[in-house]
Amino acid sequence: MNKQRTKGENIYYRKDGRWEGRYAIGRKSNGRIKYGYVYGKTYQTVRDKLLPLKQQSDRMIQLYGKSMMTYSEWVTQWKKEIQ
């Protein structure tokens, strides 16, 4: 078991004996971060499952940005800008 986690790593040992990892998948309507979860019997298993999911999440952020705006808010703003 690692003594020190890397920055941004969300892997925890649960009371039921499993490891849990979480990753950001977007924002809720109230602006808070929405998380996805993965589980495994070992730390390394969870870490291996989590890596591609975090990379995919990072690619989506690069593609779409970190905007907390809803689609309807974006359309309203866009209409104001083109007038």
N, C-alpha and C. Protein backbone atom coordinates (compact mmCIF):
# COMPACT_ATOMS: atom_id res chain seq x y z
N MET A 1 0.84 -1.18 0.00
CA MET A 1 0.00 0.00 0.00
C MET A 1 0.88 1.24 0.00
N ASN A 2 0.53 2.23 -0.82
CA ASN A 2 1.30 3.47 -0.90
C ASN A 2 1.12 4.31 0.34
N LYS A 3 2.21 4.90 0.80
CA LYS A 3 2.14 5.80 1.95
C LYS A 3 1.67 7.19 1.53
N GLN A 4 2.04 7.59 0.31
CA GLN A 4 1.71 8.93 -0.14
C GLN A 4 1.09 8.85 -1.54
N ARG A 5 -0.04 9.50 -1.70
CA ARG A 5 -0.72 9.49 -2.99
C ARG A 5 -0.19 10.61 -3.88
N THR A 6 -0.34 10.41 -5.18
CA THR A 6 0.02 11.47 -6.10
C THR A 6 -1.09 12.50 -6.13
N LYS A 7 -0.79 13.68 -6.62
CA LYS A 7 -1.77 14.77 -6.64
C LYS A 7 -2.96 14.39 -7.53
N GLY A 8 -4.15 14.58 -7.00
CA GLY A 8 -5.36 14.31 -7.75
C GLY A 8 -5.81 12.86 -7.76
N GLU A 9 -5.13 12.02 -7.03
CA GLU A 9 -5.49 10.61 -7.01
C GLU A 9 -6.60 10.38 -5.99
N ASN A 10 -7.67 9.79 -6.42
CA ASN A 10 -8.82 9.52 -5.55
C ASN A 10 -9.03 8.02 -5.44
N ILE A 11 -8.11 7.34 -4.78
CA ILE A 11 -8.23 5.90 -4.55
C ILE A 11 -8.21 5.66 -3.05
N TYR A 12 -9.23 4.96 -2.56
CA TYR A 12 -9.38 4.76 -1.13
C TYR A 12 -9.68 3.29 -0.83
N TYR A 13 -9.26 2.84 0.35
CA TYR A 13 -9.58 1.50 0.83
C TYR A 13 -10.89 1.57 1.59
N ARG A 14 -11.85 0.72 1.23
CA ARG A 14 -13.16 0.73 1.85
C ARG A 14 -13.24 -0.26 3.01
N LYS A 15 -14.24 -0.08 3.85
CA LYS A 15 -14.44 -0.98 5.00
C LYS A 15 -14.78 -2.41 4.57
N ASP A 16 -15.36 -2.56 3.40
CA ASP A 16 -15.73 -3.90 2.94
C ASP A 16 -14.56 -4.65 2.30
N GLY A 17 -13.36 -4.08 2.34
CA GLY A 17 -12.17 -4.76 1.85
C GLY A 17 -11.84 -4.49 0.39
N ARG A 18 -12.65 -3.68 -0.28
CA ARG A 18 -12.38 -3.35 -1.68
C ARG A 18 -11.72 -1.98 -1.77
N TRP A 19 -11.10 -1.72 -2.89
CA TRP A 19 -10.55 -0.41 -3.19
C TRP A 19 -11.52 0.33 -4.10
N GLU A 20 -11.65 1.63 -3.90
CA GLU A 20 -12.55 2.46 -4.69
C GLU A 20 -11.77 3.61 -5.30
N GLY A 21 -11.96 3.82 -6.58
CA GLY A 21 -11.36 4.96 -7.26
C GLY A 21 -12.45 5.81 -7.86
N ARG A 22 -12.27 7.11 -7.87
CA ARG A 22 -13.27 7.97 -8.48
C ARG A 22 -12.61 8.97 -9.41
N TYR A 23 -13.39 9.41 -10.40
CA TYR A 23 -12.89 10.33 -11.41
C TYR A 23 -14.03 11.27 -11.79
N ALA A 24 -13.69 12.48 -12.18
CA ALA A 24 -14.68 13.49 -12.55
C ALA A 24 -15.23 13.17 -13.94
N ILE A 25 -16.56 13.22 -14.07
CA ILE A 25 -17.19 12.97 -15.37
C ILE A 25 -18.00 14.16 -15.85
N GLY A 26 -18.01 15.24 -15.10
CA GLY A 26 -18.76 16.41 -15.51
C GLY A 26 -19.23 17.21 -14.31
N ARG A 27 -20.25 18.01 -14.56
CA ARG A 27 -20.82 18.86 -13.51
C ARG A 27 -22.31 18.59 -13.37
N LYS A 28 -22.79 18.70 -12.13
CA LYS A 28 -24.22 18.59 -11.86
C LYS A 28 -24.86 19.94 -12.17
N SER A 29 -26.18 20.00 -12.13
CA SER A 29 -26.89 21.24 -12.44
C SER A 29 -26.59 22.34 -11.42
N ASN A 30 -26.18 21.95 -10.20
CA ASN A 30 -25.86 22.96 -9.19
C ASN A 30 -24.39 23.39 -9.25
N GLY A 31 -23.62 22.86 -10.21
CA GLY A 31 -22.24 23.26 -10.38
C GLY A 31 -21.22 22.37 -9.70
N ARG A 32 -21.67 21.46 -8.87
CA ARG A 32 -20.73 20.55 -8.19
C ARG A 32 -20.24 19.48 -9.16
N ILE A 33 -19.08 18.91 -8.83
CA ILE A 33 -18.48 17.90 -9.69
C ILE A 33 -19.25 16.58 -9.58
N LYS A 34 -19.50 15.96 -10.72
CA LYS A 34 -20.15 14.65 -10.78
C LYS A 34 -19.05 13.61 -10.97
N TYR A 35 -19.07 12.55 -10.16
CA TYR A 35 -18.01 11.55 -10.18
C TYR A 35 -18.50 10.21 -10.70
N GLY A 36 -17.59 9.48 -11.33
CA GLY A 36 -17.79 8.09 -11.68
C GLY A 36 -16.90 7.26 -10.76
N TYR A 37 -17.24 6.01 -10.55
CA TYR A 37 -16.52 5.17 -9.59
C TYR A 37 -16.10 3.86 -10.23
N VAL A 38 -14.94 3.35 -9.80
CA VAL A 38 -14.49 2.01 -10.17
C VAL A 38 -14.07 1.30 -8.89
N TYR A 39 -14.20 -0.03 -8.88
CA TYR A 39 -13.88 -0.82 -7.70
C TYR A 39 -12.99 -1.98 -8.08
N GLY A 40 -12.20 -2.46 -7.12
CA GLY A 40 -11.35 -3.61 -7.36
C GLY A 40 -10.86 -4.21 -6.06
N LYS A 41 -10.27 -5.41 -6.17
CA LYS A 41 -9.76 -6.10 -4.98
C LYS A 41 -8.42 -5.55 -4.53
N THR A 42 -7.65 -4.98 -5.46
CA THR A 42 -6.33 -4.45 -5.10
C THR A 42 -6.22 -2.99 -5.55
N TYR A 43 -5.28 -2.30 -4.94
CA TYR A 43 -4.99 -0.91 -5.28
C TYR A 43 -4.58 -0.82 -6.75
N GLN A 44 -3.70 -1.72 -7.17
CA GLN A 44 -3.18 -1.68 -8.54
C GLN A 44 -4.28 -1.92 -9.57
N THR A 45 -5.22 -2.79 -9.26
CA THR A 45 -6.34 -3.06 -10.17
C THR A 45 -7.16 -1.80 -10.39
N VAL A 46 -7.47 -1.10 -9.31
CA VAL A 46 -8.26 0.13 -9.41
C VAL A 46 -7.47 1.19 -10.17
N ARG A 47 -6.19 1.29 -9.88
CA ARG A 47 -5.35 2.28 -10.56
C ARG A 47 -5.31 2.01 -12.07
N ASP A 48 -5.20 0.75 -12.45
CA ASP A 48 -5.18 0.38 -13.87
C ASP A 48 -6.52 0.67 -14.55
N LYS A 49 -7.63 0.48 -13.84
CA LYS A 49 -8.95 0.79 -14.40
C LYS A 49 -9.16 2.29 -14.52
N LEU A 50 -8.61 3.03 -13.56
CA LEU A 50 -8.85 4.47 -13.47
C LEU A 50 -8.07 5.27 -14.51
N LEU A 51 -6.88 4.84 -14.84
CA LEU A 51 -6.02 5.61 -15.74
C LEU A 51 -6.67 5.93 -17.08
N PRO A 52 -7.22 4.95 -17.82
CA PRO A 52 -7.84 5.30 -19.11
C PRO A 52 -9.07 6.19 -18.95
N LEU A 53 -9.81 6.02 -17.86
CA LEU A 53 -11.00 6.85 -17.65
C LEU A 53 -10.62 8.30 -17.38
N LYS A 54 -9.55 8.51 -16.61
CA LYS A 54 -9.08 9.87 -16.35
C LYS A 54 -8.53 10.51 -17.63
N GLN A 55 -7.83 9.72 -18.45
CA GLN A 55 -7.31 10.25 -19.71
C GLN A 55 -8.45 10.65 -20.63
N GLN A 56 -9.50 9.86 -20.67
CA GLN A 56 -10.67 10.18 -21.50
C GLN A 56 -11.33 11.45 -20.99
N SER A 57 -11.46 11.58 -19.68
CA SER A 57 -12.04 12.77 -19.08
C SER A 57 -11.21 14.01 -19.41
N ASP A 58 -9.89 13.89 -19.34
CA ASP A 58 -9.01 15.01 -19.66
C ASP A 58 -9.15 15.42 -21.13
N ARG A 59 -9.29 14.43 -22.03
CA ARG A 59 -9.48 14.76 -23.45
C ARG A 59 -10.78 15.51 -23.67
N MET A 60 -11.83 15.12 -22.96
CA MET A 60 -13.12 15.80 -23.09
C MET A 60 -13.02 17.24 -22.60
N ILE A 61 -12.29 17.46 -21.51
CA ILE A 61 -12.11 18.81 -20.99
C ILE A 61 -11.35 19.66 -21.99
N GLN A 62 -10.31 19.09 -22.61
CA GLN A 62 -9.55 19.83 -23.61
C GLN A 62 -10.43 20.16 -24.81
N LEU A 63 -11.30 19.25 -25.17
CA LEU A 63 -12.15 19.44 -26.33
C LEU A 63 -13.27 20.44 -26.07
N TYR A 64 -13.94 20.31 -24.94
CA TYR A 64 -15.12 21.12 -24.66
C TYR A 64 -14.90 22.21 -23.62
N GLY A 65 -13.81 22.18 -22.87
CA GLY A 65 -13.56 23.17 -21.84
C GLY A 65 -14.23 22.80 -20.53
N LYS A 66 -14.02 23.65 -19.53
CA LYS A 66 -14.55 23.39 -18.19
C LYS A 66 -15.79 24.23 -17.90
N SER A 67 -16.49 24.65 -18.90
CA SER A 67 -17.63 25.53 -18.73
C SER A 67 -18.71 24.88 -17.87
N MET A 68 -19.28 25.67 -16.97
CA MET A 68 -20.38 25.18 -16.14
C MET A 68 -21.72 25.64 -16.72
N MET A 69 -21.69 26.25 -17.89
CA MET A 69 -22.89 26.77 -18.52
C MET A 69 -23.74 25.62 -19.07
N THR A 70 -25.04 25.73 -18.90
CA THR A 70 -25.94 24.75 -19.52
C THR A 70 -26.10 25.10 -21.00
N TYR A 71 -26.67 24.20 -21.74
CA TYR A 71 -26.85 24.44 -23.17
C TYR A 71 -27.75 25.64 -23.42
N SER A 72 -28.84 25.74 -22.67
CA SER A 72 -29.76 26.87 -22.87
C SER A 72 -29.10 28.20 -22.52
N GLU A 73 -28.26 28.22 -21.48
CA GLU A 73 -27.53 29.45 -21.15
C GLU A 73 -26.55 29.80 -22.26
N TRP A 74 -25.90 28.78 -22.82
CA TRP A 74 -24.95 29.02 -23.90
C TRP A 74 -25.65 29.60 -25.13
N VAL A 75 -26.83 29.04 -25.49
CA VAL A 75 -27.58 29.53 -26.64
C VAL A 75 -28.00 30.98 -26.42
N THR A 76 -28.46 31.30 -25.23
CA THR A 76 -28.85 32.67 -24.91
C THR A 76 -27.67 33.62 -25.07
N GLN A 77 -26.52 33.23 -24.55
CA GLN A 77 -25.33 34.06 -24.67
C GLN A 77 -24.91 34.19 -26.13
N TRP A 78 -24.97 33.12 -26.87
CA TRP A 78 -24.59 33.13 -28.28
C TRP A 78 -25.49 34.08 -29.07
N LYS A 79 -26.80 34.05 -28.79
CA LYS A 79 -27.74 34.94 -29.49
C LYS A 79 -27.41 36.40 -29.21
N LYS A 80 -27.04 36.71 -27.96
CA LYS A 80 -26.67 38.08 -27.61
C LYS A 80 -25.41 38.52 -28.34
N GLU A 81 -24.47 37.62 -28.49
CA GLU A 81 -23.19 37.96 -29.12
C GLU A 81 -23.32 38.17 -30.62
N ILE A 82 -24.23 37.47 -31.30
CA ILE A 82 -24.32 37.61 -32.75
C ILE A 82 -25.21 38.77 -33.17
N GLN A 83 -25.92 39.38 -32.28
CA GLN A 83 -26.79 40.51 -32.64
C GLN A 83 -26.02 41.79 -32.76
